[in-house]
PDB file of N, CA and C in Angstrom:
ATOM      1  N   MET A   1       0.835  -1.185   0.000  1.00  0.00           N
ATOM      2  CA  MET A   1       0.000   0.000   0.000  1.00  0.00           C
ATOM      3  C   MET A   1       0.876   1.242   0.000  1.00  0.00           C
ATOM      4  N   ALA A   2       0.383   2.269  -0.629  1.00  0.00           N
ATOM      5  CA  ALA A   2       1.142   3.514  -0.687  1.00  0.00           C
ATOM      6  C   ALA A   2       1.065   4.234   0.652  1.00  0.00           C
ATOM      7  N   ASP A   3       2.102   4.983   0.938  1.00  0.00           N
ATOM      8  CA  ASP A   3       2.108   5.784   2.159  1.00  0.00           C
ATOM      9  C   ASP A   3       1.174   6.974   2.003  1.00  0.00           C
ATOM     10  N   ILE A   4       0.646   7.435   3.115  1.00  0.00           N
ATOM     11  CA  ILE A   4      -0.187   8.632   3.122  1.00  0.00           C
ATOM     12  C   ILE A   4       0.740   9.842   3.063  1.00  0.00           C
ATOM     13  N   THR A   5       0.436  10.758   2.178  1.00  0.00           N
ATOM     14  CA  THR A   5       1.251  11.963   2.043  1.00  0.00           C
ATOM     15  C   THR A   5       0.488  13.168   2.569  1.00  0.00           C
ATOM     16  N   LEU A   6       1.201  14.249   2.744  1.00  0.00           N
ATOM     17  CA  LEU A   6       0.576  15.505   3.161  1.00  0.00           C
ATOM     18  C   LEU A   6      -0.467  15.931   2.131  1.00  0.00           C
ATOM     19  N   GLU A   7      -0.164  15.700   0.858  1.00  0.00           N
ATOM     20  CA  GLU A   7      -1.107  16.067  -0.204  1.00  0.00           C
ATOM     21  C   GLU A   7      -2.398  15.253  -0.097  1.00  0.00           C
ATOM     22  N   ASP A   8      -2.284  13.970   0.283  1.00  0.00           N
ATOM     23  CA  ASP A   8      -3.480  13.138   0.478  1.00  0.00           C
ATOM     24  C   ASP A   8      -4.367  13.719   1.573  1.00  0.00           C
ATOM     25  N   VAL A   9      -3.751  14.081   2.689  1.00  0.00           N
ATOM     26  CA  VAL A   9      -4.501  14.638   3.820  1.00  0.00           C
ATOM     27  C   VAL A   9      -5.144  15.961   3.417  1.00  0.00           C
ATOM     28  N   GLU A  10      -4.411  16.805   2.724  1.00  0.00           N
ATOM     29  CA  GLU A  10      -4.966  18.095   2.298  1.00  0.00           C
ATOM     30  C   GLU A  10      -6.125  17.899   1.326  1.00  0.00           C
ATOM     31  N   TYR A  11      -6.006  16.922   0.430  1.00  0.00           N
ATOM     32  CA  TYR A  11      -7.064  16.646  -0.538  1.00  0.00           C
ATOM     33  C   TYR A  11      -8.345  16.200   0.166  1.00  0.00           C
ATOM     34  N   VAL A  12      -8.218  15.246   1.087  1.00  0.00           N
ATOM     35  CA  VAL A  12      -9.397  14.744   1.804  1.00  0.00           C
ATOM     36  C   VAL A  12      -9.982  15.835   2.698  1.00  0.00           C
ATOM     37  N   ALA A  13      -9.133  16.618   3.335  1.00  0.00           N
ATOM     38  CA  ALA A  13      -9.618  17.717   4.175  1.00  0.00           C
ATOM     39  C   ALA A  13     -10.398  18.716   3.332  1.00  0.00           C
ATOM     40  N   ASP A  14      -9.919  18.988   2.121  1.00  0.00           N
ATOM     41  CA  ASP A  14     -10.625  19.910   1.229  1.00  0.00           C
ATOM     42  C   ASP A  14     -11.982  19.340   0.831  1.00  0.00           C
ATOM     43  N   LEU A  15     -12.036  18.043   0.525  1.00  0.00           N
ATOM     44  CA  LEU A  15     -13.316  17.411   0.180  1.00  0.00           C
ATOM     45  C   LEU A  15     -14.309  17.504   1.332  1.00  0.00           C
ATOM     46  N   ALA A  16     -13.798  17.353   2.558  1.00  0.00           N
ATOM     47  CA  ALA A  16     -14.657  17.382   3.747  1.00  0.00           C
ATOM     48  C   ALA A  16     -14.862  18.798   4.269  1.00  0.00           C
ATOM     49  N   ARG A  17     -14.290  19.766   3.571  1.00  0.00           N
ATOM     50  CA  ARG A  17     -14.387  21.184   3.973  1.00  0.00           C
ATOM     51  C   ARG A  17     -13.855  21.397   5.391  1.00  0.00           C
ATOM     52  N   LEU A  18     -12.717  20.752   5.703  1.00  0.00           N
ATOM     53  CA  LEU A  18     -12.079  20.890   7.009  1.00  0.00           C
ATOM     54  C   LEU A  18     -10.883  21.818   6.889  1.00  0.00           C
ATOM     55  N   GLU A  19     -10.770  22.730   7.821  1.00  0.00           N
ATOM     56  CA  GLU A  19      -9.587  23.580   7.887  1.00  0.00           C
ATOM     57  C   GLU A  19      -8.675  23.003   8.958  1.00  0.00           C
ATOM     58  N   LEU A  20      -7.502  22.530   8.546  1.00  0.00           N
ATOM     59  CA  LEU A  20      -6.570  21.898   9.468  1.00  0.00           C
ATOM     60  C   LEU A  20      -5.304  22.731   9.574  1.00  0.00           C
ATOM     61  N   SER A  21      -4.755  22.782  10.787  1.00  0.00           N
ATOM     62  CA  SER A  21      -3.471  23.456  10.975  1.00  0.00           C
ATOM     63  C   SER A  21      -2.363  22.547  10.445  1.00  0.00           C
ATOM     64  N   ALA A  22      -1.173  23.097  10.316  1.00  0.00           N
ATOM     65  CA  ALA A  22      -0.027  22.302   9.857  1.00  0.00           C
ATOM     66  C   ALA A  22       0.242  21.149  10.820  1.00  0.00           C
ATOM     67  N   ASP A  23       0.096  21.404  12.130  1.00  0.00           N
ATOM     68  CA  ASP A  23       0.298  20.342  13.126  1.00  0.00           C
ATOM     69  C   ASP A  23      -0.731  19.224  12.962  1.00  0.00           C
ATOM     70  N   GLU A  24      -1.992  19.605  12.761  1.00  0.00           N
ATOM     71  CA  GLU A  24      -3.049  18.603  12.592  1.00  0.00           C
ATOM     72  C   GLU A  24      -2.811  17.767  11.338  1.00  0.00           C
ATOM     73  N   LYS A  25      -2.385  18.421  10.271  1.00  0.00           N
ATOM     74  CA  LYS A  25      -2.096  17.685   9.034  1.00  0.00           C
ATOM     75  C   LYS A  25      -0.973  16.680   9.267  1.00  0.00           C
ATOM     76  N   GLY A  26       0.069  17.117   9.959  1.00  0.00           N
ATOM     77  CA  GLY A  26       1.185  16.218  10.254  1.00  0.00           C
ATOM     78  C   GLY A  26       0.752  15.033  11.097  1.00  0.00           C
ATOM     79  N   GLN A  27      -0.096  15.300  12.091  1.00  0.00           N
ATOM     80  CA  GLN A  27      -0.600  14.217  12.942  1.00  0.00           C
ATOM     81  C   GLN A  27      -1.416  13.223  12.122  1.00  0.00           C
ATOM     82  N   LEU A  28      -2.239  13.742  11.219  1.00  0.00           N
ATOM     83  CA  LEU A  28      -3.072  12.850  10.408  1.00  0.00           C
ATOM     84  C   LEU A  28      -2.234  12.011   9.455  1.00  0.00           C
ATOM     85  N   VAL A  29      -1.186  12.591   8.886  1.00  0.00           N
ATOM     86  CA  VAL A  29      -0.295  11.808   8.020  1.00  0.00           C
ATOM     87  C   VAL A  29       0.267  10.629   8.809  1.00  0.00           C
ATOM     88  N   GLU A  30       0.727  10.906  10.025  1.00  0.00           N
ATOM     89  CA  GLU A  30       1.303   9.859  10.871  1.00  0.00           C
ATOM     90  C   GLU A  30       0.253   8.821  11.273  1.00  0.00           C
ATOM     91  N   GLN A  31      -0.900   9.284  11.753  1.00  0.00           N
ATOM     92  CA  GLN A  31      -1.939   8.371  12.231  1.00  0.00           C
ATOM     93  C   GLN A  31      -2.509   7.510  11.107  1.00  0.00           C
ATOM     94  N   LEU A  32      -2.774   8.124   9.967  1.00  0.00           N
ATOM     95  CA  LEU A  32      -3.320   7.349   8.849  1.00  0.00           C
ATOM     96  C   LEU A  32      -2.292   6.364   8.306  1.00  0.00           C
ATOM     97  N   GLY A  33      -1.023   6.744   8.360  1.00  0.00           N
ATOM     98  CA  GLY A  33       0.036   5.813   7.965  1.00  0.00           C
ATOM     99  C   GLY A  33       0.062   4.588   8.865  1.00  0.00           C
ATOM    100  N   ARG A  34      -0.115   4.801  10.174  1.00  0.00           N
ATOM    101  CA  ARG A  34      -0.159   3.667  11.110  1.00  0.00           C
ATOM    102  C   ARG A  34      -1.375   2.783  10.846  1.00  0.00           C
ATOM    103  N   ILE A  35      -2.504   3.404  10.545  1.00  0.00           N
ATOM    104  CA  ILE A  35      -3.719   2.631  10.246  1.00  0.00           C
ATOM    105  C   ILE A  35      -3.491   1.762   9.016  1.00  0.00           C
ATOM    106  N   LEU A  36      -2.874   2.321   7.981  1.00  0.00           N
ATOM    107  CA  LEU A  36      -2.582   1.523   6.791  1.00  0.00           C
ATOM    108  C   LEU A  36      -1.617   0.390   7.115  1.00  0.00           C
ATOM    109  N   GLY A  37      -0.696   0.636   8.037  1.00  0.00           N
ATOM    110  CA  GLY A  37       0.216  -0.420   8.478  1.00  0.00           C
ATOM    111  C   GLY A  37      -0.537  -1.572   9.122  1.00  0.00           C
ATOM    112  N   TYR A  38      -1.546  -1.255   9.932  1.00  0.00           N
ATOM    113  CA  TYR A  38      -2.362  -2.303  10.553  1.00  0.00           C
ATOM    114  C   TYR A  38      -3.098  -3.111   9.479  1.00  0.00           C
ATOM    115  N   ILE A  39      -3.598  -2.433   8.476  1.00  0.00           N
ATOM    116  CA  ILE A  39      -4.318  -3.115   7.398  1.00  0.00           C
ATOM    117  C   ILE A  39      -3.367  -4.026   6.628  1.00  0.00           C
ATOM    118  N   GLU A  40      -2.142  -3.555   6.400  1.00  0.00           N
ATOM    119  CA  GLU A  40      -1.153  -4.397   5.722  1.00  0.00           C
ATOM    120  C   GLU A  40      -0.866  -5.658   6.534  1.00  0.00           C
ATOM    121  N   LYS A  41      -0.850  -5.542   7.860  1.00  0.00           N
ATOM    122  CA  LYS A  41      -0.661  -6.721   8.720  1.00  0.00           C
ATOM    123  C   LYS A  41      -1.794  -7.723   8.497  1.00  0.00           C
ATOM    124  N   LEU A  42      -3.023  -7.228   8.370  1.00  0.00           N
ATOM    125  CA  LEU A  42      -4.163  -8.122   8.140  1.00  0.00           C
ATOM    126  C   LEU A  42      -4.018  -8.858   6.814  1.00  0.00           C
ATOM    127  N   ASP A  43      -3.433  -8.186   5.820  1.00  0.00           N
ATOM    128  CA  ASP A  43      -3.227  -8.834   4.524  1.00  0.00           C
ATOM    129  C   ASP A  43      -2.274 -10.019   4.621  1.00  0.00           C
ATOM    130  N   GLU A  44      -1.446 -10.068   5.660  1.00  0.00           N
ATOM    131  CA  GLU A  44      -0.481 -11.156   5.826  1.00  0.00           C
ATOM    132  C   GLU A  44      -1.127 -12.428   6.391  1.00  0.00           C
ATOM    133  N   LEU A  45      -2.329 -12.318   6.932  1.00  0.00           N
ATOM    134  CA  LEU A  45      -2.988 -13.477   7.549  1.00  0.00           C
ATOM    135  C   LEU A  45      -3.404 -14.505   6.501  1.00  0.00           C
ATOM    136  N   ASP A  46      -3.248 -15.776   6.849  1.00  0.00           N
ATOM    137  CA  ASP A  46      -3.704 -16.862   5.991  1.00  0.00           C
ATOM    138  C   ASP A  46      -5.169 -17.137   6.318  1.00  0.00           C
ATOM    139  N   THR A  47      -6.045 -16.806   5.398  1.00  0.00           N
ATOM    140  CA  THR A  47      -7.485 -16.976   5.624  1.00  0.00           C
ATOM    141  C   THR A  47      -8.084 -18.026   4.695  1.00  0.00           C
ATOM    142  N   THR A  48      -7.267 -18.943   4.202  1.00  0.00           N
ATOM    143  CA  THR A  48      -7.769 -19.930   3.236  1.00  0.00           C
ATOM    144  C   THR A  48      -8.848 -20.834   3.827  1.00  0.00           C
ATOM    145  N   ASP A  49      -8.772 -21.171   5.110  1.00  0.00           N
ATOM    146  CA  ASP A  49      -9.768 -22.054   5.720  1.00  0.00           C
ATOM    147  C   ASP A  49     -10.808 -21.293   6.546  1.00  0.00           C
ATOM    148  N   VAL A  50     -10.852 -19.995   6.404  1.00  0.00           N
ATOM    149  CA  VAL A  50     -11.804 -19.181   7.162  1.00  0.00           C
ATOM    150  C   VAL A  50     -13.000 -18.882   6.272  1.00  0.00           C
ATOM    151  N   GLU A  51     -14.173 -19.247   6.774  1.00  0.00           N
ATOM    152  CA  GLU A  51     -15.392 -19.020   6.009  1.00  0.00           C
ATOM    153  C   GLU A  51     -15.752 -17.535   6.039  1.00  0.00           C
ATOM    154  N   PRO A  52     -16.093 -16.957   4.885  1.00  0.00           N
ATOM    155  CA  PRO A  52     -16.474 -15.536   4.865  1.00  0.00           C
ATOM    156  C   PRO A  52     -17.719 -15.290   5.716  1.00  0.00           C
ATOM    157  N   THR A  53     -17.739 -14.174   6.408  1.00  0.00           N
ATOM    158  CA  THR A  53     -18.894 -13.814   7.236  1.00  0.00           C
ATOM    159  C   THR A  53     -19.270 -12.364   6.987  1.00  0.00           C
ATOM    160  N   SER A  54     -20.532 -12.086   7.137  1.00  0.00           N
ATOM    161  CA  SER A  54     -20.975 -10.698   7.057  1.00  0.00           C
ATOM    162  C   SER A  54     -21.292 -10.153   8.448  1.00  0.00           C
ATOM    163  N   HIS A  55     -21.489 -11.061   9.412  1.00  0.00           N
ATOM    164  CA  HIS A  55     -21.748 -10.674  10.800  1.00  0.00           C
ATOM    165  C   HIS A  55     -20.878 -11.542  11.707  1.00  0.00           C
ATOM    166  N   VAL A  56     -20.238 -10.918  12.673  1.00  0.00           N
ATOM    167  CA  VAL A  56     -19.430 -11.708  13.595  1.00  0.00           C
ATOM    168  C   VAL A  56     -20.288 -12.409  14.633  1.00  0.00           C
ATOM    169  N   LEU A  57     -21.428 -11.845  14.933  1.00  0.00           N
ATOM    170  CA  LEU A  57     -22.348 -12.449  15.899  1.00  0.00           C
ATOM    171  C   LEU A  57     -23.566 -12.986  15.154  1.00  0.00           C
ATOM    172  N   PRO A  58     -24.231 -13.997  15.710  1.00  0.00           N
ATOM    173  CA  PRO A  58     -25.380 -14.572  15.006  1.00  0.00           C
ATOM    174  C   PRO A  58     -26.633 -13.696  15.042  1.00  0.00           C
ATOM    175  N   MET A  59     -26.575 -12.538  15.663  1.00  0.00           N
ATOM    176  CA  MET A  59     -27.759 -11.679  15.766  1.00  0.00           C
ATOM    177  C   MET A  59     -27.988 -10.934  14.449  1.00  0.00           C
ATOM    178  N   ARG A  60     -29.232 -10.869  14.032  1.00  0.00           N
ATOM    179  CA  ARG A  60     -29.582 -10.130  12.823  1.00  0.00           C
ATOM    180  C   ARG A  60     -30.877  -9.365  13.072  1.00  0.00           C
ATOM    181  N   ASN A  61     -31.011  -8.242  12.400  1.00  0.00           N
ATOM    182  CA  ASN A  61     -32.228  -7.435  12.473  1.00  0.00           C
ATOM    183  C   ASN A  61     -32.675  -7.205  13.914  1.00  0.00           C
ATOM    184  N   VAL A  62     -31.803  -6.642  14.711  1.00  0.00           N
ATOM    185  CA  VAL A  62     -32.127  -6.395  16.110  1.00  0.00           C
ATOM    186  C   VAL A  62     -32.694  -4.990  16.315  1.00  0.00           C
ATOM    187  N   MET A  63     -33.102  -4.360  15.226  1.00  0.00           N
ATOM    188  CA  MET A  63     -33.670  -3.017  15.337  1.00  0.00           C
ATOM    189  C   MET A  63     -35.169  -3.102  15.605  1.00  0.00           C
ATOM    190  N   ARG A  64     -35.691  -2.027  16.097  1.00  0.00           N
ATOM    191  CA  ARG A  64     -37.123  -1.989  16.365  1.00  0.00           C
ATOM    192  C   ARG A  64     -37.899  -1.987  15.050  1.00  0.00           C
ATOM    193  N   ALA A  65     -39.143  -2.386  15.115  1.00  0.00           N
ATOM    194  CA  ALA A  65     -39.997  -2.381  13.927  1.00  0.00           C
ATOM    195  C   ALA A  65     -40.317  -0.939  13.534  1.00  0.00           C
ATOM    196  N   ASP A  66     -40.404  -0.695  12.246  1.00  0.00           N
ATOM    197  CA  ASP A  66     -40.769   0.640  11.773  1.00  0.00           C
ATOM    198  C   ASP A  66     -42.241   0.899  12.050  1.00  0.00           C
ATOM    199  N   GLU A  67     -42.532   2.083  12.540  1.00  0.00           N
ATOM    200  CA  GLU A  67     -43.912   2.481  12.775  1.00  0.00           C
ATOM    201  C   GLU A  67     -44.110   3.867  12.188  1.00  0.00           C
ATOM    202  N   ALA A  68     -45.144   4.018  11.388  1.00  0.00           N
ATOM    203  CA  ALA A  68     -45.441   5.322  10.802  1.00  0.00           C
ATOM    204  C   ALA A  68     -45.975   6.246  11.888  1.00  0.00           C
ATOM    205  N   ARG A  69     -45.448   7.453  11.921  1.00  0.00           N
ATOM    206  CA  ARG A  69     -45.917   8.454  12.881  1.00  0.00           C
ATOM    207  C   ARG A  69     -46.139   9.765  12.143  1.00  0.00           C
ATOM    208  N   ASP A  70     -46.991  10.586  12.706  1.00  0.00           N
ATOM    209  CA  ASP A  70     -47.205  11.896  12.113  1.00  0.00           C
ATOM    210  C   ASP A  70     -45.944  12.726  12.281  1.00  0.00           C
ATOM    211  N   GLY A  71     -45.565  13.403  11.226  1.00  0.00           N
ATOM    212  CA  GLY A  71     -44.373  14.248  11.265  1.00  0.00           C
ATOM    213  C   GLY A  71     -44.746  15.705  11.441  1.00  0.00           C
ATOM    214  N   MET A  72     -43.769  16.533  11.309  1.00  0.00           N
ATOM    215  CA  MET A  72     -43.950  17.972  11.442  1.00  0.00           C
ATOM    216  C   MET A  72     -44.532  18.518  10.136  1.00  0.00           C
ATOM    217  N   ALA A  73     -45.396  19.475  10.225  1.00  0.00           N
ATOM    218  CA  ALA A  73     -45.955  20.110   9.038  1.00  0.00           C
ATOM    219  C   ALA A  73     -44.847  20.851   8.288  1.00  0.00           C
ATOM    220  N   ARG A  74     -44.949  20.865   6.962  1.00  0.00           N
ATOM    221  CA  ARG A  74     -43.912  21.494   6.136  1.00  0.00           C
ATOM    222  C   ARG A  74     -43.683  22.949   6.517  1.00  0.00           C
ATOM    223  N   ASP A  75     -44.745  23.698   6.672  1.00  0.00           N
ATOM    224  CA  ASP A  75     -44.595  25.120   6.999  1.00  0.00           C
ATOM    225  C   ASP A  75     -43.924  25.316   8.352  1.00  0.00           C
ATOM    226  N   GLU A  76     -44.211  24.433   9.298  1.00  0.00           N
ATOM    227  CA  GLU A  76     -43.578  24.522  10.612  1.00  0.00           C
ATOM    228  C   GLU A  76     -42.072  24.249  10.500  1.00  0.00           C
ATOM    229  N   ALA A  77     -41.716  23.226   9.730  1.00  0.00           N
ATOM    230  CA  ALA A  77     -40.299  22.895   9.548  1.00  0.00           C
ATOM    231  C   ALA A  77     -39.572  24.016   8.816  1.00  0.00           C
ATOM    232  N   LEU A  78     -40.178  24.526   7.759  1.00  0.00           N
ATOM    233  CA  LEU A  78     -39.549  25.614   7.010  1.00  0.00           C
ATOM    234  C   LEU A  78     -39.435  26.878   7.846  1.00  0.00           C
ATOM    235  N   GLY A  79     -40.358  27.057   8.775  1.00  0.00           N
ATOM    236  CA  GLY A  79     -40.311  28.229   9.648  1.00  0.00           C
ATOM    237  C   GLY A  79     -39.105  28.227  10.573  1.00  0.00           C
ATOM    238  N   MET A  80     -38.556  27.057  10.862  1.00  0.00           N
ATOM    239  CA  MET A  80     -37.378  26.961  11.730  1.00  0.00           C
ATOM    240  C   MET A  80     -36.074  26.994  10.938  1.00  0.00           C
ATOM    241  N   ALA A  81     -36.165  26.937   9.617  1.00  0.00           N
ATOM    242  CA  ALA A  81     -34.961  26.915   8.780  1.00  0.00           C
ATOM    243  C   ALA A  81     -34.384  28.323   8.652  1.00  0.00           C
ATOM    244  N   PRO A  82     -33.053  28.427   8.550  1.00  0.00           N
ATOM    245  CA  PRO A  82     -32.445  29.744   8.358  1.00  0.00           C
ATOM    246  C   PRO A  82     -32.876  30.391   7.047  1.00  0.00           C
ATOM    247  N   ALA A  83     -33.141  29.560   6.014  1.00  0.00           N
ATOM    248  CA  ALA A  83     -33.564  30.113   4.726  1.00  0.00           C
ATOM    249  C   ALA A  83     -34.414  29.080   3.993  1.00  0.00           C
ATOM    250  N   SER A  84     -35.422  29.576   3.270  1.00  0.00           N
ATOM    251  CA  SER A  84     -36.247  28.694   2.446  1.00  0.00           C
ATOM    252  C   SER A  84     -36.647  29.464   1.197  1.00  0.00           C
ATOM    253  N   HIS A  85     -37.056  28.709   0.169  1.00  0.00           N
ATOM    254  CA  HIS A  85     -37.437  29.338  -1.091  1.00  0.00           C
ATOM    255  C   HIS A  85     -38.502  28.469  -1.747  1.00  0.00           C
ATOM    256  N   GLU A  86     -39.661  29.022  -1.983  1.00  0.00           N
ATOM    257  CA  GLU A  86     -40.765  28.351  -2.670  1.00  0.00           C
ATOM    258  C   GLU A  86     -41.084  26.975  -2.078  1.00  0.00           C
ATOM    259  N   GLY A  87     -41.099  26.889  -0.755  1.00  0.00           N
ATOM    260  CA  GLY A  87     -41.483  25.655  -0.088  1.00  0.00           C
ATOM    261  C   GLY A  87     -40.371  24.641   0.097  1.00  0.00           C
ATOM    262  N   TYR A  88     -39.137  25.040  -0.161  1.00  0.00           N
ATOM    263  CA  TYR A  88     -37.990  24.141   0.000  1.00  0.00           C
ATOM    264  C   TYR A  88     -36.967  24.761   0.935  1.00  0.00           C
ATOM    265  N   PHE A  89     -36.188  23.905   1.601  1.00  0.00           N
ATOM    266  CA  PHE A  89     -35.067  24.397   2.396  1.00  0.00           C
ATOM    267  C   PHE A  89     -34.023  24.952   1.437  1.00  0.00           C
ATOM    268  N   GLU A  90     -33.424  26.059   1.818  1.00  0.00           N
ATOM    269  CA  GLU A  90     -32.374  26.648   0.991  1.00  0.00           C
ATOM    270  C   GLU A  90     -31.062  26.572   1.763  1.00  0.00           C
ATOM    271  N   ALA A  91     -30.041  26.061   1.100  1.00  0.00           N
ATOM    272  CA  ALA A  91     -28.736  25.901   1.742  1.00  0.00           C
ATOM    273  C   ALA A  91     -27.657  26.429   0.809  1.00  0.00           C
ATOM    274  N   PRO A  92     -26.517  26.815   1.374  1.00  0.00           N
ATOM    275  CA  PRO A  92     -25.437  27.287   0.511  1.00  0.00           C
ATOM    276  C   PRO A  92     -24.908  26.154  -0.369  1.00  0.00           C
ATOM    277  N   ARG A  93     -24.434  26.515  -1.530  1.00  0.00           N
ATOM    278  CA  ARG A  93     -23.878  25.534  -2.462  1.00  0.00           C
ATOM    279  C   ARG A  93     -22.590  24.957  -1.882  1.00  0.00           C
ATOM    280  N   VAL A  94     -22.455  23.623  -1.918  1.00  0.00           N
ATOM    281  CA  VAL A  94     -21.248  22.985  -1.395  1.00  0.00           C
ATOM    282  C   VAL A  94     -20.504  22.199  -2.470  1.00  0.00           C
ATOM    283  N   VAL A  95     -21.129  21.949  -3.597  1.00  0.00           N
ATOM    284  CA  VAL A  95     -20.488  21.210  -4.679  1.00  0.00           C
ATOM    285  C   VAL A  95     -20.028  22.206  -5.728  1.00  0.00           C
ATOM    286  N   GLU A  96     -18.775  22.053  -6.120  1.00  0.00           N
ATOM    287  CA  GLU A  96     -18.246  22.978  -7.127  1.00  0.00           C
ATOM    288  C   GLU A  96     -18.466  22.442  -8.514  1.00  0.00           C
TER     289      GLU A  96
END
C-alpha cells in the first residue's frame, strides 16, 4: 500500500471542507500511515480455511420495527430553517 502523504490529507480535508493546521495535518499523516500499516498486517494473515462472514455475531435485524408516525408540518419545519425558497429548504452551495 502507498504511504499517506501531506497532499493526500490536504485533498481529503478539502473534500470534507475541514480547515486543518499544519500540526493537525502532520498528525493525520502519521496516524493514517499507522492505520494503513495495521491493514497491511491483516493482509499477511492466511485466511484460506476461514469461512467468509458478514456478521461476527449470530444476531440479525435487532432493530425496532418501523412504525409510521405523524411528522412535522412542512410550513412549521420551514419556519425553523435559516432560509427557504418556494417551499424548499435553501442551503449554501457545497459542490463545485
